[in-house]
């Protein structure tokens, strides 16, 4: 009788809410790995555009952290390292997608908008619909359309139209995408390697494709990003731009330049892989990546904008609830 009572005491049933299967990847760890992966394009930005970019990073990061602290205090939410790590990621990405010579006061406003409006109006970490950094840049593009189109040149940047290896003093001119879009001047194949290495104009962090791809490798190998998203995005861009190029090679640029120019690598590595604003199901991730790639090519080719990465990803962010409705696996028992 005594043994039976002892046995009954040892049996404990823990009733807790789902999920019941845990993983090694926490939100904090994911944010730290993302910051690690972001170091590579950050180094590239400083190398190609100089010390001025460091001030841009510090401005965006500090504005994001201050805004995060203020929002958590106003909402009476607990202060957590995950929230501040996420805010730091937003600040770094925003700095990377801004022109290297962008005014610091305007960058500060963009970071505050990204955190307070885009992130915390929707409920804070994990509840925002749109990518905060991308929406912050979209806000700045609408508020300061002239400033955001001005890109700084340095002796390490390759002016469009010069031969690879031939550098000039700092000048002010259009980006390669602007030249292709508005002046119909397509670079030759000799520019493949220079553009891949980063010898071109653009936003602070989008120049060196090699460094961005190293960051992507860090995210994929560590499990911080799902391979389906960048693979479907890059493949979609290559396929749709390749179809246009095959039909009219004199009118449209080839798939290699479509991938190399603009923010394709940066968007496919750090924005398309955002776990908060992308679908959770495997099928949904593929649909999101394909849709983002298709819209990128569509906007670049047929709209009045030379670049389409930002608008394409934001539009697909808005479509995530619809995508998940039709791609999420069936709930057991229904």
C-alpha atoms as a PDB file:
ATOM      1  CA  UNK A   1       0.000   0.000   0.000  1.00  0.00           C
ATOM      2  CA  UNK A   2       2.829   2.373   0.885  1.00  0.00           C
ATOM      3  CA  UNK A   3       4.689   1.538  -2.350  1.00  0.00           C
ATOM      4  CA  UNK A   4       1.575   2.291  -4.364  1.00  0.00           C
ATOM      5  CA  UNK A   5       1.218   5.757  -2.788  1.00  0.00           C
ATOM      6  CA  UNK A   6       4.897   6.491  -3.459  1.00  0.00           C
ATOM      7  CA  UNK A   7       4.445   5.532  -7.126  1.00  0.00           C
ATOM      8  CA  UNK A   8       1.425   7.802  -7.456  1.00  0.00           C
ATOM      9  CA  UNK A   9       3.373  10.715  -6.026  1.00  0.00           C
ATOM     10  CA  UNK A  10       6.185  10.271  -8.549  1.00  0.00           C
ATOM     11  CA  UNK A  11       3.861  10.421 -11.554  1.00  0.00           C
ATOM     12  CA  UNK A  12       3.499  14.021 -12.714  1.00  0.00           C
ATOM     13  CA  UNK A  13       1.611  15.270 -15.769  1.00  0.00           C
ATOM     14  CA  UNK A  14       2.762  18.636 -17.124  1.00  0.00           C
ATOM     15  CA  UNK A  15       0.135  20.415 -19.213  1.00  0.00           C
ATOM     16  CA  UNK A  16       1.591  23.288 -21.248  1.00  0.00           C
ATOM     17  CA  UNK A  17       0.498  25.116 -24.428  1.00  0.00           C
ATOM     18  CA  UNK A  18       1.999  24.397 -27.859  1.00  0.00           C
ATOM     19  CA  UNK A  19       4.563  24.138 -29.311  1.00  0.00           C
ATOM     20  CA  UNK A  20       5.602  20.913 -27.617  1.00  0.00           C
ATOM     21  CA  UNK A  21       8.755  20.322 -29.679  1.00  0.00           C
ATOM     22  CA  UNK A  22      11.563  22.773 -29.048  1.00  0.00           C
ATOM     23  CA  UNK A  23      14.567  23.687 -31.162  1.00  0.00           C
ATOM     24  CA  UNK A  24      18.052  25.014 -30.583  1.00  0.00           C
ATOM     25  CA  UNK A  25      17.433  28.208 -32.590  1.00  0.00           C
ATOM     26  CA  UNK A  26      16.055  30.933 -30.333  1.00  0.00           C
ATOM     27  CA  UNK A  27      15.108  34.479 -31.333  1.00  0.00           C
ATOM     28  CA  UNK A  28      18.148  35.913 -29.578  1.00  0.00           C
ATOM     29  CA  UNK A  29      20.512  33.460 -31.249  1.00  0.00           C
ATOM     30  CA  UNK A  30      18.981  34.180 -34.658  1.00  0.00           C
ATOM     31  CA  UNK A  31      19.472  37.913 -34.178  1.00  0.00           C
ATOM     32  CA  UNK A  32      23.109  37.433 -33.122  1.00  0.00           C
ATOM     33  CA  UNK A  33      23.806  35.257 -36.161  1.00  0.00           C
ATOM     34  CA  UNK A  34      22.160  37.831 -38.413  1.00  0.00           C
ATOM     35  CA  UNK A  35      24.347  40.571 -36.952  1.00  0.00           C
ATOM     36  CA  UNK A  36      27.388  38.361 -37.573  1.00  0.00           C
ATOM     37  CA  UNK A  37      26.355  37.821 -41.195  1.00  0.00           C
ATOM     38  CA  UNK A  38      25.789  41.569 -41.618  1.00  0.00           C
ATOM     39  CA  UNK A  39      29.395  42.313 -40.684  1.00  0.00           C
ATOM     40  CA  UNK A  40      30.625  41.283 -44.149  1.00  0.00           C
ATOM     41  CA  UNK A  41      28.683  43.867 -46.213  1.00  0.00           C
ATOM     42  CA  UNK A  42      29.407  46.390 -43.442  1.00  0.00           C
ATOM     43  CA  UNK A  43      33.150  45.892 -43.935  1.00  0.00           C
ATOM     44  CA  UNK A  44      32.627  46.237 -47.669  1.00  0.00           C
ATOM     45  CA  UNK A  45      30.718  49.488 -47.224  1.00  0.00           C
ATOM     46  CA  UNK A  46      33.534  51.000 -45.154  1.00  0.00           C
ATOM     47  CA  UNK A  47      36.167  49.779 -47.627  1.00  0.00           C
ATOM     48  CA  UNK A  48      34.431  51.175 -50.715  1.00  0.00           C
ATOM     49  CA  UNK A  49      32.966  54.384 -49.301  1.00  0.00           C
ATOM     50  CA  UNK A  50      35.243  55.317 -46.421  1.00  0.00           C
ATOM     51  CA  UNK A  51      34.856  56.264 -42.766  1.00  0.00           C
ATOM     52  CA  UNK A  52      31.745  58.384 -43.490  1.00  0.00           C
ATOM     53  CA  UNK A  53      29.713  55.153 -43.630  1.00  0.00           C
ATOM     54  CA  UNK A  54      30.644  54.311 -40.021  1.00  0.00           C
ATOM     55  CA  UNK A  55      28.785  57.418 -38.879  1.00  0.00           C
ATOM     56  CA  UNK A  56      25.776  56.291 -40.912  1.00  0.00           C
ATOM     57  CA  UNK A  57      25.822  52.899 -39.151  1.00  0.00           C
ATOM     58  CA  UNK A  58      26.159  54.470 -35.715  1.00  0.00           C
ATOM     59  CA  UNK A  59      23.343  56.911 -36.437  1.00  0.00           C
ATOM     60  CA  UNK A  60      20.875  54.235 -37.636  1.00  0.00           C
ATOM     61  CA  UNK A  61      21.748  51.761 -34.878  1.00  0.00           C
ATOM     62  CA  UNK A  62      21.541  54.329 -32.071  1.00  0.00           C
ATOM     63  CA  UNK A  63      18.229  55.706 -33.395  1.00  0.00           C
ATOM     64  CA  UNK A  64      16.820  52.167 -33.586  1.00  0.00           C
ATOM     65  CA  UNK A  65      17.901  51.290 -30.041  1.00  0.00           C
ATOM     66  CA  UNK A  66      16.605  54.554 -28.574  1.00  0.00           C
ATOM     67  CA  UNK A  67      13.281  54.108 -30.374  1.00  0.00           C
ATOM     68  CA  UNK A  68      13.040  50.493 -29.206  1.00  0.00           C
ATOM     69  CA  UNK A  69      13.618  51.535 -25.587  1.00  0.00           C
ATOM     70  CA  UNK A  70      11.053  54.344 -25.830  1.00  0.00           C
ATOM     71  CA  UNK A  71       8.444  52.085 -27.451  1.00  0.00           C
ATOM     72  CA  UNK A  72       8.864  49.316 -24.864  1.00  0.00           C
ATOM     73  CA  UNK A  73       8.571  51.868 -22.057  1.00  0.00           C
ATOM     74  CA  UNK A  74       5.433  53.430 -23.571  1.00  0.00           C
ATOM     75  CA  UNK A  75       3.852  49.996 -24.033  1.00  0.00           C
ATOM     76  CA  UNK A  76       5.015  48.931 -20.547  1.00  0.00           C
ATOM     77  CA  UNK A  77       6.553  45.867 -22.142  1.00  0.00           C
ATOM     78  CA  UNK A  78       9.560  44.084 -20.630  1.00  0.00           C
ATOM     79  CA  UNK A  79      13.020  45.080 -21.863  1.00  0.00           C
ATOM     80  CA  UNK A  80      14.715  42.102 -23.488  1.00  0.00           C
ATOM     81  CA  UNK A  81      17.951  41.432 -25.334  1.00  0.00           C
ATOM     82  CA  UNK A  82      15.923  39.912 -28.179  1.00  0.00           C
ATOM     83  CA  UNK A  83      14.064  43.169 -28.763  1.00  0.00           C
ATOM     84  CA  UNK A  84      17.226  45.270 -28.743  1.00  0.00           C
ATOM     85  CA  UNK A  85      19.077  42.769 -30.960  1.00  0.00           C
ATOM     86  CA  UNK A  86      16.224  42.940 -33.449  1.00  0.00           C
ATOM     87  CA  UNK A  87      16.339  46.753 -33.347  1.00  0.00           C
ATOM     88  CA  UNK A  88      20.102  46.680 -33.988  1.00  0.00           C
ATOM     89  CA  UNK A  89      19.550  44.414 -37.014  1.00  0.00           C
ATOM     90  CA  UNK A  90      16.993  46.902 -38.355  1.00  0.00           C
ATOM     91  CA  UNK A  91      19.441  49.773 -37.878  1.00  0.00           C
ATOM     92  CA  UNK A  92      22.288  47.990 -39.662  1.00  0.00           C
ATOM     93  CA  UNK A  93      20.130  46.915 -42.612  1.00  0.00           C
ATOM     94  CA  UNK A  94      18.677  50.406 -42.979  1.00  0.00           C
ATOM     95  CA  UNK A  95      22.185  51.890 -43.107  1.00  0.00           C
ATOM     96  CA  UNK A  96      23.202  49.313 -45.728  1.00  0.00           C
ATOM     97  CA  UNK A  97      20.323  50.177 -48.058  1.00  0.00           C
ATOM     98  CA  UNK A  98      20.843  53.948 -47.845  1.00  0.00           C
ATOM     99  CA  UNK A  99      23.255  55.961 -50.020  1.00  0.00           C
ATOM    100  CA  UNK A 100      26.668  56.232 -48.322  1.00  0.00           C
ATOM    101  CA  UNK A 101      26.446  60.023 -48.322  1.00  0.00           C
ATOM    102  CA  UNK A 102      22.903  60.176 -46.933  1.00  0.00           C
ATOM    103  CA  UNK A 103      22.396  62.956 -44.318  1.00  0.00           C
ATOM    104  CA  UNK A 104      22.606  61.596 -40.785  1.00  0.00           C
ATOM    105  CA  UNK A 105      19.603  63.573 -39.550  1.00  0.00           C
ATOM    106  CA  UNK A 106      17.402  62.020 -42.248  1.00  0.00           C
ATOM    107  CA  UNK A 107      18.771  58.530 -41.521  1.00  0.00           C
ATOM    108  CA  UNK A 108      17.900  59.049 -37.843  1.00  0.00           C
ATOM    109  CA  UNK A 109      14.303  59.902 -38.795  1.00  0.00           C
ATOM    110  CA  UNK A 110      14.086  56.807 -41.002  1.00  0.00           C
ATOM    111  CA  UNK A 111      15.262  54.512 -38.189  1.00  0.00           C
ATOM    112  CA  UNK A 112      12.794  56.046 -35.720  1.00  0.00           C
ATOM    113  CA  UNK A 113       9.969  55.526 -38.238  1.00  0.00           C
ATOM    114  CA  UNK A 114      11.028  51.921 -38.836  1.00  0.00           C
ATOM    115  CA  UNK A 115      10.950  51.014 -35.141  1.00  0.00           C
ATOM    116  CA  UNK A 116       8.107  53.110 -33.747  1.00  0.00           C
ATOM    117  CA  UNK A 117       5.650  52.945 -36.651  1.00  0.00           C
ATOM    118  CA  UNK A 118       6.461  49.869 -38.696  1.00  0.00           C
ATOM    119  CA  UNK A 119       7.406  47.590 -35.810  1.00  0.00           C
ATOM    120  CA  UNK A 120       5.656  48.682 -32.620  1.00  0.00           C
ATOM    121  CA  UNK A 121       2.375  49.976 -34.027  1.00  0.00           C
ATOM    122  CA  UNK A 122       1.727  46.367 -35.048  1.00  0.00           C
ATOM    123  CA  UNK A 123       2.672  44.966 -31.639  1.00  0.00           C
ATOM    124  CA  UNK A 124       6.459  44.815 -31.532  1.00  0.00           C
ATOM    125  CA  UNK A 125       8.905  41.986 -32.123  1.00  0.00           C
ATOM    126  CA  UNK A 126       7.437  39.186 -34.221  1.00  0.00           C
ATOM    127  CA  UNK A 127       4.153  40.956 -35.023  1.00  0.00           C
ATOM    128  CA  UNK A 128       5.099  43.500 -37.681  1.00  0.00           C
ATOM    129  CA  UNK A 129       3.678  42.883 -41.155  1.00  0.00           C
ATOM    130  CA  UNK A 130       6.336  44.719 -43.154  1.00  0.00           C
ATOM    131  CA  UNK A 131      10.102  44.556 -42.954  1.00  0.00           C
ATOM    132  CA  UNK A 132      10.957  47.608 -40.787  1.00  0.00           C
ATOM    133  CA  UNK A 133      14.217  48.513 -42.541  1.00  0.00           C
ATOM    134  CA  UNK A 134      12.677  48.333 -46.017  1.00  0.00           C
ATOM    135  CA  UNK A 135       9.644  50.327 -44.956  1.00  0.00           C
ATOM    136  CA  UNK A 136      11.961  52.862 -43.322  1.00  0.00           C
ATOM    137  CA  UNK A 137      13.748  53.318 -46.636  1.00  0.00           C
ATOM    138  CA  UNK A 138      10.432  53.555 -48.490  1.00  0.00           C
ATOM    139  CA  UNK A 139       9.399  56.317 -46.084  1.00  0.00           C
ATOM    140  CA  UNK A 140      12.660  58.172 -46.689  1.00  0.00           C
ATOM    141  CA  UNK A 141      12.260  57.764 -50.459  1.00  0.00           C
ATOM    142  CA  UNK A 142       8.827  59.384 -50.244  1.00  0.00           C
ATOM    143  CA  UNK A 143       9.893  62.104 -47.800  1.00  0.00           C
ATOM    144  CA  UNK A 144      13.266  62.971 -49.364  1.00  0.00           C
ATOM    145  CA  UNK A 145      13.130  61.826 -53.028  1.00  0.00           C
ATOM    146  CA  UNK A 146      16.026  64.024 -54.179  1.00  0.00           C
ATOM    147  CA  UNK A 147      18.405  63.272 -51.325  1.00  0.00           C
ATOM    148  CA  UNK A 148      17.980  59.510 -51.509  1.00  0.00           C
ATOM    149  CA  UNK A 149      18.954  59.374 -55.192  1.00  0.00           C
ATOM    150  CA  UNK A 150      22.341  61.007 -54.577  1.00  0.00           C
ATOM    151  CA  UNK A 151      25.144  58.466 -54.311  1.00  0.00           C
ATOM    152  CA  UNK A 152      28.673  59.320 -53.194  1.00  0.00           C
ATOM    153  CA  UNK A 153      31.589  58.173 -55.319  1.00  0.00           C
ATOM    154  CA  UNK A 154      35.038  57.354 -53.999  1.00  0.00           C
ATOM    155  CA  UNK A 155      38.315  56.480 -55.767  1.00  0.00           C
ATOM    156  CA  UNK A 156      37.572  52.808 -55.063  1.00  0.00           C
ATOM    157  CA  UNK A 157      34.226  52.940 -56.906  1.00  0.00           C
ATOM    158  CA  UNK A 158      34.189  52.243 -60.620  1.00  0.00           C
ATOM    159  CA  UNK A 159      32.454  55.028 -62.604  1.00  0.00           C
ATOM    160  CA  UNK A 160      30.057  53.635 -65.186  1.00  0.00           C
ATOM    161  CA  UNK A 161      31.539  53.541 -68.642  1.00  0.00           C
ATOM    162  CA  UNK A 162      35.194  53.276 -67.607  1.00  0.00           C
ATOM    163  CA  UNK A 163      37.208  50.145 -68.185  1.00  0.00           C
ATOM    164  CA  UNK A 164      37.705  47.798 -65.220  1.00  0.00           C
ATOM    165  CA  UNK A 165      40.775  48.790 -63.243  1.00  0.00           C
ATOM    166  CA  UNK A 166      40.619  52.431 -64.357  1.00  0.00           C
ATOM    167  CA  UNK A 167      39.614  54.635 -61.414  1.00  0.00           C
ATOM    168  CA  UNK A 168      38.883  58.336 -61.227  1.00  0.00           C
ATOM    169  CA  UNK A 169      38.513  60.969 -58.569  1.00  0.00           C
ATOM    170  CA  UNK A 170      35.230  61.274 -56.722  1.00  0.00           C
ATOM    171  CA  UNK A 171      32.422  62.292 -59.079  1.00  0.00           C
ATOM    172  CA  UNK A 172      28.635  62.401 -58.924  1.00  0.00           C
ATOM    173  CA  UNK A 173      26.750  60.351 -61.477  1.00  0.00           C
ATOM    174  CA  UNK A 174      23.944  57.831 -61.937  1.00  0.00           C
ATOM    175  CA  UNK A 175      24.086  54.227 -60.795  1.00  0.00           C
ATOM    176  CA  UNK A 176      24.417  51.467 -63.417  1.00  0.00           C
ATOM    177  CA  UNK A 177      20.707  50.658 -63.082  1.00  0.00           C
ATOM    178  CA  UNK A 178      19.815  54.296 -63.737  1.00  0.00           C
ATOM    179  CA  UNK A 179      22.023  54.346 -66.823  1.00  0.00           C
ATOM    180  CA  UNK A 180      20.430  51.154 -68.132  1.00  0.00           C
ATOM    181  CA  UNK A 181      16.910  52.357 -67.387  1.00  0.00           C
ATOM    182  CA  UNK A 182      17.024  55.949 -68.557  1.00  0.00           C
ATOM    183  CA  UNK A 183      19.968  56.126 -70.958  1.00  0.00           C
ATOM    184  CA  UNK A 184      19.713  52.560 -72.374  1.00  0.00           C
ATOM    185  CA  UNK A 185      23.428  51.964 -71.887  1.00  0.00           C
ATOM    186  CA  UNK A 186      24.166  48.342 -71.062  1.00  0.00           C
ATOM    187  CA  UNK A 187      27.617  47.425 -69.685  1.00  0.00           C
ATOM    188  CA  UNK A 188      29.693  44.773 -71.371  1.00  0.00           C
ATOM    189  CA  UNK A 189      30.653  41.364 -70.021  1.00  0.00           C
ATOM    190  CA  UNK A 190      34.024  42.750 -68.871  1.00  0.00           C
ATOM    191  CA  UNK A 191      32.149  44.345 -65.966  1.00  0.00           C
ATOM    192  CA  UNK A 192      30.992  41.012 -64.458  1.00  0.00           C
ATOM    193  CA  UNK A 193      33.944  40.574 -62.102  1.00  0.00           C
ATOM    194  CA  UNK A 194      34.287  44.251 -61.056  1.00  0.00           C
ATOM    195  CA  UNK A 195      30.570  44.444 -60.253  1.00  0.00           C
ATOM    196  CA  UNK A 196      30.722  41.158 -58.333  1.00  0.00           C
ATOM    197  CA  UNK A 197      33.665  42.438 -56.297  1.00  0.00           C
ATOM    198  CA  UNK A 198      31.973  45.756 -55.579  1.00  0.00           C
ATOM    199  CA  UNK A 199      33.518  48.313 -57.942  1.00  0.00           C
ATOM    200  CA  UNK A 200      30.299  50.155 -58.719  1.00  0.00           C
ATOM    201  CA  UNK A 201      27.936  52.754 -57.357  1.00  0.00           C
ATOM    202  CA  UNK A 202      24.971  51.940 -55.179  1.00  0.00           C
ATOM    203  CA  UNK A 203      23.723  51.912 -51.640  1.00  0.00           C
ATOM    204  CA  UNK A 204      26.269  51.522 -48.862  1.00  0.00           C
ATOM    205  CA  UNK A 205      26.001  47.750 -48.552  1.00  0.00           C
ATOM    206  CA  UNK A 206      24.868  46.517 -51.950  1.00  0.00           C
ATOM    207  CA  UNK A 207      28.136  46.913 -53.860  1.00  0.00           C
ATOM    208  CA  UNK A 208      30.097  43.717 -53.135  1.00  0.00           C
ATOM    209  CA  UNK A 209      28.156  40.596 -54.084  1.00  0.00           C
ATOM    210  CA  UNK A 210      30.951  38.347 -52.798  1.00  0.00           C
ATOM    211  CA  UNK A 211      30.749  39.725 -49.251  1.00  0.00           C
ATOM    212  CA  UNK A 212      26.945  39.512 -49.233  1.00  0.00           C
ATOM    213  CA  UNK A 213      27.045  35.878 -50.367  1.00  0.00           C
ATOM    214  CA  UNK A 214      29.499  35.076 -47.553  1.00  0.00           C
ATOM    215  CA  UNK A 215      26.929  36.527 -45.158  1.00  0.00           C
ATOM    216  CA  UNK A 216      24.250  34.357 -46.793  1.00  0.00           C
ATOM    217  CA  UNK A 217      26.424  31.278 -46.263  1.00  0.00           C
ATOM    218  CA  UNK A 218      26.681  32.143 -42.557  1.00  0.00           C
ATOM    219  CA  UNK A 219      22.895  32.393 -42.269  1.00  0.00           C
ATOM    220  CA  UNK A 220      22.236  29.134 -44.136  1.00  0.00           C
ATOM    221  CA  UNK A 221      24.930  27.024 -42.487  1.00  0.00           C
ATOM    222  CA  UNK A 222      23.928  28.189 -39.006  1.00  0.00           C
ATOM    223  CA  UNK A 223      20.243  27.540 -39.647  1.00  0.00           C
ATOM    224  CA  UNK A 224      19.275  31.189 -39.112  1.00  0.00           C
ATOM    225  CA  UNK A 225      17.701  31.350 -42.600  1.00  0.00           C
ATOM    226  CA  UNK A 226      15.760  28.892 -44.733  1.00  0.00           C
ATOM    227  CA  UNK A 227      17.445  28.040 -48.056  1.00  0.00           C
ATOM    228  CA  UNK A 228      14.118  28.007 -49.900  1.00  0.00           C
ATOM    229  CA  UNK A 229      13.698  31.778 -49.706  1.00  0.00           C
ATOM    230  CA  UNK A 230      16.971  33.018 -51.269  1.00  0.00           C
ATOM    231  CA  UNK A 231      17.129  30.122 -53.749  1.00  0.00           C
ATOM    232  CA  UNK A 232      13.598  30.697 -55.062  1.00  0.00           C
ATOM    233  CA  UNK A 233      14.178  34.464 -55.150  1.00  0.00           C
ATOM    234  CA  UNK A 234      17.435  34.360 -57.116  1.00  0.00           C
ATOM    235  CA  UNK A 235      16.167  31.607 -59.431  1.00  0.00           C
ATOM    236  CA  UNK A 236      12.947  33.493 -60.115  1.00  0.00           C
ATOM    237  CA  UNK A 237      14.850  36.652 -61.057  1.00  0.00           C
ATOM    238  CA  UNK A 238      17.222  34.705 -63.313  1.00  0.00           C
ATOM    239  CA  UNK A 239      14.372  32.848 -65.055  1.00  0.00           C
ATOM    240  CA  UNK A 240      12.038  35.790 -65.662  1.00  0.00           C
ATOM    241  CA  UNK A 241      14.812  38.189 -66.716  1.00  0.00           C
ATOM    242  CA  UNK A 242      16.286  35.429 -68.884  1.00  0.00           C
ATOM    243  CA  UNK A 243      12.990  34.975 -70.719  1.00  0.00           C
ATOM    244  CA  UNK A 244      12.822  38.695 -71.505  1.00  0.00           C
ATOM    245  CA  UNK A 245      16.458  38.745 -72.604  1.00  0.00           C
ATOM    246  CA  UNK A 246      16.020  35.738 -74.918  1.00  0.00           C
ATOM    247  CA  UNK A 247      13.123  37.419 -76.711  1.00  0.00           C
ATOM    248  CA  UNK A 248      14.780  40.849 -76.998  1.00  0.00           C
ATOM    249  CA  UNK A 249      18.495  40.813 -76.082  1.00  0.00           C
ATOM    250  CA  UNK A 250      18.980  44.315 -77.480  1.00  0.00           C
ATOM    251  CA  UNK A 251      16.262  45.743 -75.218  1.00  0.00           C
ATOM    252  CA  UNK A 252      16.621  43.835 -71.935  1.00  0.00           C
ATOM    253  CA  UNK A 253      19.721  43.096 -69.846  1.00  0.00           C
ATOM    254  CA  UNK A 254      20.871  39.519 -69.362  1.00  0.00           C
ATOM    255  CA  UNK A 255      20.144  37.530 -66.172  1.00  0.00           C
ATOM    256  CA  UNK A 256      23.722  37.838 -64.889  1.00  0.00           C
ATOM    257  CA  UNK A 257      23.607  41.629 -64.804  1.00  0.00           C
ATOM    258  CA  UNK A 258      20.078  41.511 -63.406  1.00  0.00           C
ATOM    259  CA  UNK A 259      21.412  39.555 -60.429  1.00  0.00           C
ATOM    260  CA  UNK A 260      24.610  41.578 -60.023  1.00  0.00           C
ATOM    261  CA  UNK A 261      23.168  45.083 -60.191  1.00  0.00           C
ATOM    262  CA  UNK A 262      21.158  46.885 -57.560  1.00  0.00           C
ATOM    263  CA  UNK A 263      20.052  45.324 -54.293  1.00  0.00           C
ATOM    264  CA  UNK A 264      19.208  41.795 -55.457  1.00  0.00           C
ATOM    265  CA  UNK A 265      21.896  40.036 -53.418  1.00  0.00           C
ATOM    266  CA  UNK A 266      21.316  42.255 -50.381  1.00  0.00           C
ATOM    267  CA  UNK A 267      17.537  41.837 -50.518  1.00  0.00           C
ATOM    268  CA  UNK A 268      17.700  38.096 -51.142  1.00  0.00           C
ATOM    269  CA  UNK A 269      20.095  37.577 -48.235  1.00  0.00           C
ATOM    270  CA  UNK A 270      18.795  39.816 -45.451  1.00  0.00           C
ATOM    271  CA  UNK A 271      15.247  40.906 -46.343  1.00  0.00           C
ATOM    272  CA  UNK A 272      13.674  37.945 -48.122  1.00  0.00           C
ATOM    273  CA  UNK A 273      14.913  35.674 -45.314  1.00  0.00           C
ATOM    274  CA  UNK A 274      13.254  37.725 -42.540  1.00  0.00           C
ATOM    275  CA  UNK A 275      11.329  35.090 -40.512  1.00  0.00           C
ATOM    276  CA  UNK A 276       8.749  37.589 -39.225  1.00  0.00           C
ATOM    277  CA  UNK A 277       7.513  38.998 -42.536  1.00  0.00           C
ATOM    278  CA  UNK A 278       7.714  35.813 -44.650  1.00  0.00           C
ATOM    279  CA  UNK A 279       5.558  32.642 -44.659  1.00  0.00           C
ATOM    280  CA  UNK A 280       6.243  29.855 -42.181  1.00  0.00           C
ATOM    281  CA  UNK A 281       5.379  26.868 -44.391  1.00  0.00           C
ATOM    282  CA  UNK A 282       7.916  25.401 -46.868  1.00  0.00           C
ATOM    283  CA  UNK A 283       5.537  25.853 -49.819  1.00  0.00           C
ATOM    284  CA  UNK A 284       4.754  29.375 -48.710  1.00  0.00           C
ATOM    285  CA  UNK A 285       8.453  30.268 -48.629  1.00  0.00           C
ATOM    286  CA  UNK A 286       8.849  29.104 -52.234  1.00  0.00           C
ATOM    287  CA  UNK A 287       5.812  31.095 -53.335  1.00  0.00           C
ATOM    288  CA  UNK A 288       7.120  34.173 -51.517  1.00  0.00           C
ATOM    289  CA  UNK A 289      10.565  33.902 -53.117  1.00  0.00           C
ATOM    290  CA  UNK A 290       9.200  33.330 -56.616  1.00  0.00           C
ATOM    291  CA  UNK A 291       6.701  36.170 -56.262  1.00  0.00           C
ATOM    292  CA  UNK A 292       9.353  38.573 -54.965  1.00  0.00           C
ATOM    293  CA  UNK A 293      11.666  37.723 -57.860  1.00  0.00           C
ATOM    294  CA  UNK A 294       8.920  38.105 -60.443  1.00  0.00           C
ATOM    295  CA  UNK A 295       7.851  41.493 -59.051  1.00  0.00           C
ATOM    296  CA  UNK A 296      11.482  42.670 -58.919  1.00  0.00           C
ATOM    297  CA  UNK A 297      11.919  41.986 -62.639  1.00  0.00           C
ATOM    298  CA  UNK A 298       8.482  43.404 -63.463  1.00  0.00           C
ATOM    299  CA  UNK A 299       9.067  46.692 -61.618  1.00  0.00           C
ATOM    300  CA  UNK A 300      12.615  47.094 -62.936  1.00  0.00           C
ATOM    301  CA  UNK A 301      11.537  46.460 -66.525  1.00  0.00           C
ATOM    302  CA  UNK A 302       8.151  48.101 -66.966  1.00  0.00           C
ATOM    303  CA  UNK A 303       7.807  50.752 -64.247  1.00  0.00           C
ATOM    304  CA  UNK A 304       9.359  54.185 -63.936  1.00  0.00           C
ATOM    305  CA  UNK A 305      11.722  52.967 -61.210  1.00  0.00           C
ATOM    306  CA  UNK A 306      15.141  51.534 -62.076  1.00  0.00           C
ATOM    307  CA  UNK A 307      15.133  49.342 -58.937  1.00  0.00           C
ATOM    308  CA  UNK A 308      12.362  47.030 -57.788  1.00  0.00           C
ATOM    309  CA  UNK A 309      13.754  44.988 -54.886  1.00  0.00           C
ATOM    310  CA  UNK A 310      12.309  47.151 -52.101  1.00  0.00           C
ATOM    311  CA  UNK A 311       8.814  47.449 -53.564  1.00  0.00           C
ATOM    312  CA  UNK A 312       8.685  43.779 -54.567  1.00  0.00           C
ATOM    313  CA  UNK A 313       9.496  42.485 -51.082  1.00  0.00           C
ATOM    314  CA  UNK A 314       7.123  44.930 -49.374  1.00  0.00           C
ATOM    315  CA  UNK A 315       4.287  43.910 -51.707  1.00  0.00           C
ATOM    316  CA  UNK A 316       4.944  40.256 -50.947  1.00  0.00           C
ATOM    317  CA  UNK A 317       5.035  41.070 -47.214  1.00  0.00           C
ATOM    318  CA  UNK A 318       1.456  42.285 -47.601  1.00  0.00           C
ATOM    319  CA  UNK A 319       0.516  39.045 -49.392  1.00  0.00           C
ATOM    320  CA  UNK A 320       1.898  36.724 -46.672  1.00  0.00           C
ATOM    321  CA  UNK A 321      -1.477  36.105 -44.922  1.00  0.00           C
ATOM    322  CA  UNK A 322      -3.010  35.095 -48.259  1.00  0.00           C
ATOM    323  CA  UNK A 323      -0.036  32.861 -49.107  1.00  0.00           C
ATOM    324  CA  UNK A 324      -0.201  31.116 -45.744  1.00  0.00           C
ATOM    325  CA  UNK A 325      -3.931  30.573 -46.110  1.00  0.00           C
ATOM    326  CA  UNK A 326      -3.385  28.382 -49.177  1.00  0.00           C
ATOM    327  CA  UNK A 327       0.019  26.840 -48.421  1.00  0.00           C
ATOM    328  CA  UNK A 328      -0.080  26.019 -44.704  1.00  0.00           C
ATOM    329  CA  UNK A 329      -0.355  22.270 -43.981  1.00  0.00           C
ATOM    330  CA  UNK A 330      -3.744  20.952 -42.952  1.00  0.00           C
ATOM    331  CA  UNK A 331      -4.378  20.987 -39.207  1.00  0.00           C
ATOM    332  CA  UNK A 332      -4.569  17.467 -37.843  1.00  0.00           C
ATOM    333  CA  UNK A 333      -8.173  16.427 -37.262  1.00  0.00           C
ATOM    334  CA  UNK A 334      -9.786  18.941 -39.631  1.00  0.00           C
END
